[in-house]
Amino acid sequence: MMTLTRMRTIGSNAGKDKNMFDDWITANIGTIVISLILIAAVALAVRSIIVRKKSGRCSCGDSCGGCPMSGNCHKKTGH
């Protein structure tokens, strides 16, 4: 975490901002990559749920034995 003194030093050294940004990217590249992978995985999961729901399939994995919504989910197909 940056201290107030460090933040003031950053502001007074405008020419060094690019180097500090590069240093920050280099220091946090692992976190950035993992975050992008997780965001992509969540986006794909949400997209999959939406596509399944729009196509009329159950989004709960088609195992309706223990599902409390099974009567509402499959009214047309008779599951």
N, C-alpha and C. Protein backbone atom coordinates (compact mmCIF):
# COMPACT_ATOMS: atom_id res chain seq x y z
N MET A 1 0.84 -1.16 0.00
CA MET A 1 0.00 0.00 0.00
C MET A 1 0.90 1.24 0.00
N MET A 2 0.51 2.24 -0.76
CA MET A 2 1.31 3.45 -0.87
C MET A 2 0.99 4.40 0.27
N THR A 3 2.04 5.04 0.76
CA THR A 3 1.84 6.04 1.80
C THR A 3 1.60 7.39 1.14
N LEU A 4 1.15 8.36 1.92
CA LEU A 4 0.89 9.69 1.40
C LEU A 4 2.17 10.32 0.86
N THR A 5 3.28 10.11 1.53
CA THR A 5 4.56 10.66 1.08
C THR A 5 4.93 10.07 -0.27
N ARG A 6 4.73 8.77 -0.43
CA ARG A 6 5.03 8.10 -1.71
C ARG A 6 4.13 8.63 -2.81
N MET A 7 2.86 8.87 -2.52
CA MET A 7 1.92 9.39 -3.52
C MET A 7 2.33 10.80 -3.94
N ARG A 8 2.79 11.62 -3.01
CA ARG A 8 3.25 12.96 -3.36
C ARG A 8 4.48 12.90 -4.25
N THR A 9 5.37 11.96 -3.95
CA THR A 9 6.57 11.78 -4.76
C THR A 9 6.19 11.37 -6.18
N ILE A 10 5.21 10.52 -6.30
CA ILE A 10 4.75 10.09 -7.62
C ILE A 10 4.20 11.28 -8.39
N GLY A 11 3.41 12.12 -7.75
CA GLY A 11 2.83 13.28 -8.41
C GLY A 11 3.88 14.29 -8.85
N SER A 12 4.95 14.42 -8.12
CA SER A 12 5.98 15.40 -8.47
C SER A 12 6.93 14.89 -9.54
N ASN A 13 6.92 13.61 -9.79
CA ASN A 13 7.79 13.02 -10.81
C ASN A 13 6.96 12.57 -12.01
N ALA A 14 6.42 13.51 -12.76
CA ALA A 14 5.52 13.18 -13.86
C ALA A 14 6.22 12.38 -14.94
N GLY A 15 7.50 12.58 -15.14
CA GLY A 15 8.24 11.85 -16.17
C GLY A 15 8.43 10.38 -15.83
N LYS A 16 8.32 10.04 -14.56
CA LYS A 16 8.54 8.65 -14.14
C LYS A 16 7.24 7.85 -14.05
N ASP A 17 6.10 8.47 -14.40
CA ASP A 17 4.82 7.78 -14.29
C ASP A 17 4.77 6.53 -15.15
N LYS A 18 5.31 6.59 -16.36
CA LYS A 18 5.28 5.43 -17.24
C LYS A 18 6.06 4.27 -16.63
N ASN A 19 7.23 4.57 -16.07
CA ASN A 19 8.02 3.52 -15.44
C ASN A 19 7.30 2.92 -14.24
N MET A 20 6.61 3.75 -13.49
CA MET A 20 5.89 3.24 -12.32
C MET A 20 4.71 2.38 -12.75
N PHE A 21 4.05 2.79 -13.84
CA PHE A 21 2.95 1.99 -14.37
C PHE A 21 3.47 0.64 -14.85
N ASP A 22 4.58 0.65 -15.57
CA ASP A 22 5.19 -0.60 -16.03
C ASP A 22 5.60 -1.48 -14.85
N ASP A 23 6.14 -0.87 -13.82
CA ASP A 23 6.51 -1.62 -12.62
C ASP A 23 5.29 -2.22 -11.95
N TRP A 24 4.21 -1.46 -11.90
CA TRP A 24 2.97 -1.96 -11.28
C TRP A 24 2.42 -3.14 -12.07
N ILE A 25 2.41 -3.01 -13.42
CA ILE A 25 1.93 -4.11 -14.27
C ILE A 25 2.80 -5.34 -14.05
N THR A 26 4.09 -5.17 -14.06
CA THR A 26 5.01 -6.29 -13.87
C THR A 26 4.81 -6.95 -12.50
N ALA A 27 4.62 -6.16 -11.48
CA ALA A 27 4.44 -6.71 -10.14
C ALA A 27 3.11 -7.43 -9.98
N ASN A 28 2.09 -7.06 -10.76
CA ASN A 28 0.75 -7.62 -10.58
C ASN A 28 0.27 -8.44 -11.77
N ILE A 29 1.15 -8.86 -12.65
CA ILE A 29 0.73 -9.58 -13.86
C ILE A 29 0.01 -10.88 -13.53
N GLY A 30 0.44 -11.58 -12.50
CA GLY A 30 -0.23 -12.83 -12.12
C GLY A 30 -1.67 -12.59 -11.69
N THR A 31 -1.88 -11.58 -10.88
CA THR A 31 -3.22 -11.24 -10.42
C THR A 31 -4.10 -10.81 -11.59
N ILE A 32 -3.53 -10.06 -12.51
CA ILE A 32 -4.29 -9.59 -13.67
C ILE A 32 -4.71 -10.76 -14.54
N VAL A 33 -3.80 -11.67 -14.81
CA VAL A 33 -4.11 -12.83 -15.66
C VAL A 33 -5.16 -13.72 -15.02
N ILE A 34 -5.01 -14.03 -13.74
CA ILE A 34 -5.98 -14.87 -13.04
C ILE A 34 -7.35 -14.20 -13.01
N SER A 35 -7.38 -12.89 -12.79
CA SER A 35 -8.66 -12.17 -12.78
C SER A 35 -9.34 -12.24 -14.14
N LEU A 36 -8.58 -12.08 -15.21
CA LEU A 36 -9.17 -12.17 -16.55
C LEU A 36 -9.70 -13.56 -16.84
N ILE A 37 -8.98 -14.59 -16.40
CA ILE A 37 -9.45 -15.97 -16.59
C ILE A 37 -10.75 -16.21 -15.82
N LEU A 38 -10.81 -15.73 -14.58
CA LEU A 38 -12.04 -15.90 -13.79
C LEU A 38 -13.21 -15.14 -14.37
N ILE A 39 -12.98 -13.93 -14.86
CA ILE A 39 -14.05 -13.15 -15.49
C ILE A 39 -14.56 -13.87 -16.73
N ALA A 40 -13.65 -14.43 -17.53
CA ALA A 40 -14.06 -15.17 -18.73
C ALA A 40 -14.87 -16.42 -18.35
N ALA A 41 -14.46 -17.12 -17.31
CA ALA A 41 -15.17 -18.33 -16.89
C ALA A 41 -16.58 -18.00 -16.42
N VAL A 42 -16.73 -16.94 -15.65
CA VAL A 42 -18.06 -16.52 -15.18
C VAL A 42 -18.92 -16.08 -16.36
N ALA A 43 -18.34 -15.35 -17.30
CA ALA A 43 -19.11 -14.91 -18.47
C ALA A 43 -19.58 -16.10 -19.29
N LEU A 44 -18.73 -17.10 -19.47
CA LEU A 44 -19.13 -18.30 -20.21
C LEU A 44 -20.21 -19.08 -19.48
N ALA A 45 -20.13 -19.15 -18.16
CA ALA A 45 -21.14 -19.86 -17.39
C ALA A 45 -22.50 -19.17 -17.50
N VAL A 46 -22.50 -17.85 -17.39
CA VAL A 46 -23.75 -17.09 -17.51
C VAL A 46 -24.32 -17.25 -18.92
N ARG A 47 -23.45 -17.17 -19.93
CA ARG A 47 -23.90 -17.34 -21.32
C ARG A 47 -24.52 -18.72 -21.52
N SER A 48 -23.89 -19.75 -20.95
CA SER A 48 -24.41 -21.11 -21.08
C SER A 48 -25.79 -21.24 -20.44
N ILE A 49 -25.97 -20.65 -19.29
CA ILE A 49 -27.29 -20.69 -18.62
C ILE A 49 -28.34 -19.99 -19.46
N ILE A 50 -28.01 -18.84 -20.02
CA ILE A 50 -28.96 -18.09 -20.84
C ILE A 50 -29.33 -18.86 -22.09
N VAL A 51 -28.33 -19.45 -22.76
CA VAL A 51 -28.60 -20.21 -23.99
C VAL A 51 -29.48 -21.42 -23.69
N ARG A 52 -29.18 -22.13 -22.60
CA ARG A 52 -29.99 -23.30 -22.25
C ARG A 52 -31.43 -22.90 -21.92
N LYS A 53 -31.59 -21.79 -21.22
CA LYS A 53 -32.93 -21.34 -20.85
C LYS A 53 -33.73 -20.92 -22.08
N LYS A 54 -33.07 -20.22 -23.01
CA LYS A 54 -33.76 -19.78 -24.23
C LYS A 54 -34.13 -20.94 -25.13
N SER A 55 -33.35 -22.02 -25.10
CA SER A 55 -33.65 -23.17 -25.95
C SER A 55 -34.71 -24.08 -25.32
N GLY A 56 -35.16 -23.75 -24.12
CA GLY A 56 -36.22 -24.51 -23.47
C GLY A 56 -35.72 -25.64 -22.60
N ARG A 57 -34.43 -25.81 -22.50
CA ARG A 57 -33.88 -26.85 -21.64
C ARG A 57 -33.76 -26.34 -20.22
N CYS A 58 -33.74 -27.25 -19.30
CA CYS A 58 -33.61 -26.89 -17.89
C CYS A 58 -32.19 -26.46 -17.60
N SER A 59 -32.02 -25.43 -16.83
CA SER A 59 -30.69 -24.95 -16.50
C SER A 59 -30.13 -25.61 -15.25
N CYS A 60 -30.86 -26.56 -14.68
CA CYS A 60 -30.42 -27.20 -13.44
C CYS A 60 -29.74 -28.54 -13.69
N GLY A 61 -29.44 -28.88 -14.92
CA GLY A 61 -28.73 -30.12 -15.21
C GLY A 61 -29.65 -31.27 -15.56
N ASP A 62 -30.92 -31.04 -15.77
CA ASP A 62 -31.91 -32.05 -16.16
C ASP A 62 -32.07 -33.18 -15.15
N SER A 63 -31.68 -32.96 -13.92
CA SER A 63 -31.89 -33.93 -12.86
C SER A 63 -32.98 -33.37 -11.95
N CYS A 64 -34.23 -33.66 -12.28
CA CYS A 64 -35.35 -32.99 -11.63
C CYS A 64 -35.90 -33.73 -10.42
N GLY A 65 -35.31 -34.84 -10.05
CA GLY A 65 -35.84 -35.63 -8.94
C GLY A 65 -35.91 -34.86 -7.64
N GLY A 66 -34.89 -34.10 -7.31
CA GLY A 66 -34.87 -33.38 -6.05
C GLY A 66 -35.08 -31.89 -6.20
N CYS A 67 -35.46 -31.44 -7.38
CA CYS A 67 -35.61 -30.01 -7.63
C CYS A 67 -37.00 -29.54 -7.20
N PRO A 68 -37.08 -28.53 -6.34
CA PRO A 68 -38.39 -28.05 -5.89
C PRO A 68 -39.18 -27.35 -7.00
N MET A 69 -38.53 -26.97 -8.07
CA MET A 69 -39.22 -26.28 -9.17
C MET A 69 -39.51 -27.21 -10.35
N SER A 70 -39.37 -28.51 -10.18
CA SER A 70 -39.53 -29.43 -11.30
C SER A 70 -40.91 -29.37 -11.92
N GLY A 71 -41.93 -29.10 -11.14
CA GLY A 71 -43.29 -28.99 -11.68
C GLY A 71 -43.46 -27.76 -12.55
N ASN A 72 -42.77 -26.70 -12.26
CA ASN A 72 -42.87 -25.47 -13.05
C ASN A 72 -41.91 -25.45 -14.22
N CYS A 73 -40.80 -26.10 -14.09
CA CYS A 73 -39.74 -26.06 -15.09
C CYS A 73 -40.10 -26.85 -16.34
N HIS A 74 -40.74 -27.99 -16.17
CA HIS A 74 -40.99 -28.89 -17.30
C HIS A 74 -42.47 -29.13 -17.53
N LYS A 75 -43.28 -28.10 -17.54
CA LYS A 75 -44.71 -28.28 -17.75
C LYS A 75 -45.00 -28.85 -19.14
N LYS A 76 -44.26 -28.36 -20.16
CA LYS A 76 -44.53 -28.77 -21.54
C LYS A 76 -43.96 -30.14 -21.88
N THR A 77 -42.78 -30.48 -21.32
CA THR A 77 -42.11 -31.71 -21.71
C THR A 77 -42.56 -32.92 -20.89
N GLY A 78 -43.15 -32.71 -19.74
CA GLY A 78 -43.67 -33.81 -18.95
C GLY A 78 -42.62 -34.54 -18.13
N HIS A 79 -41.50 -33.95 -17.82
CA HIS A 79 -40.48 -34.59 -16.99
C HIS A 79 -40.98 -34.81 -15.59
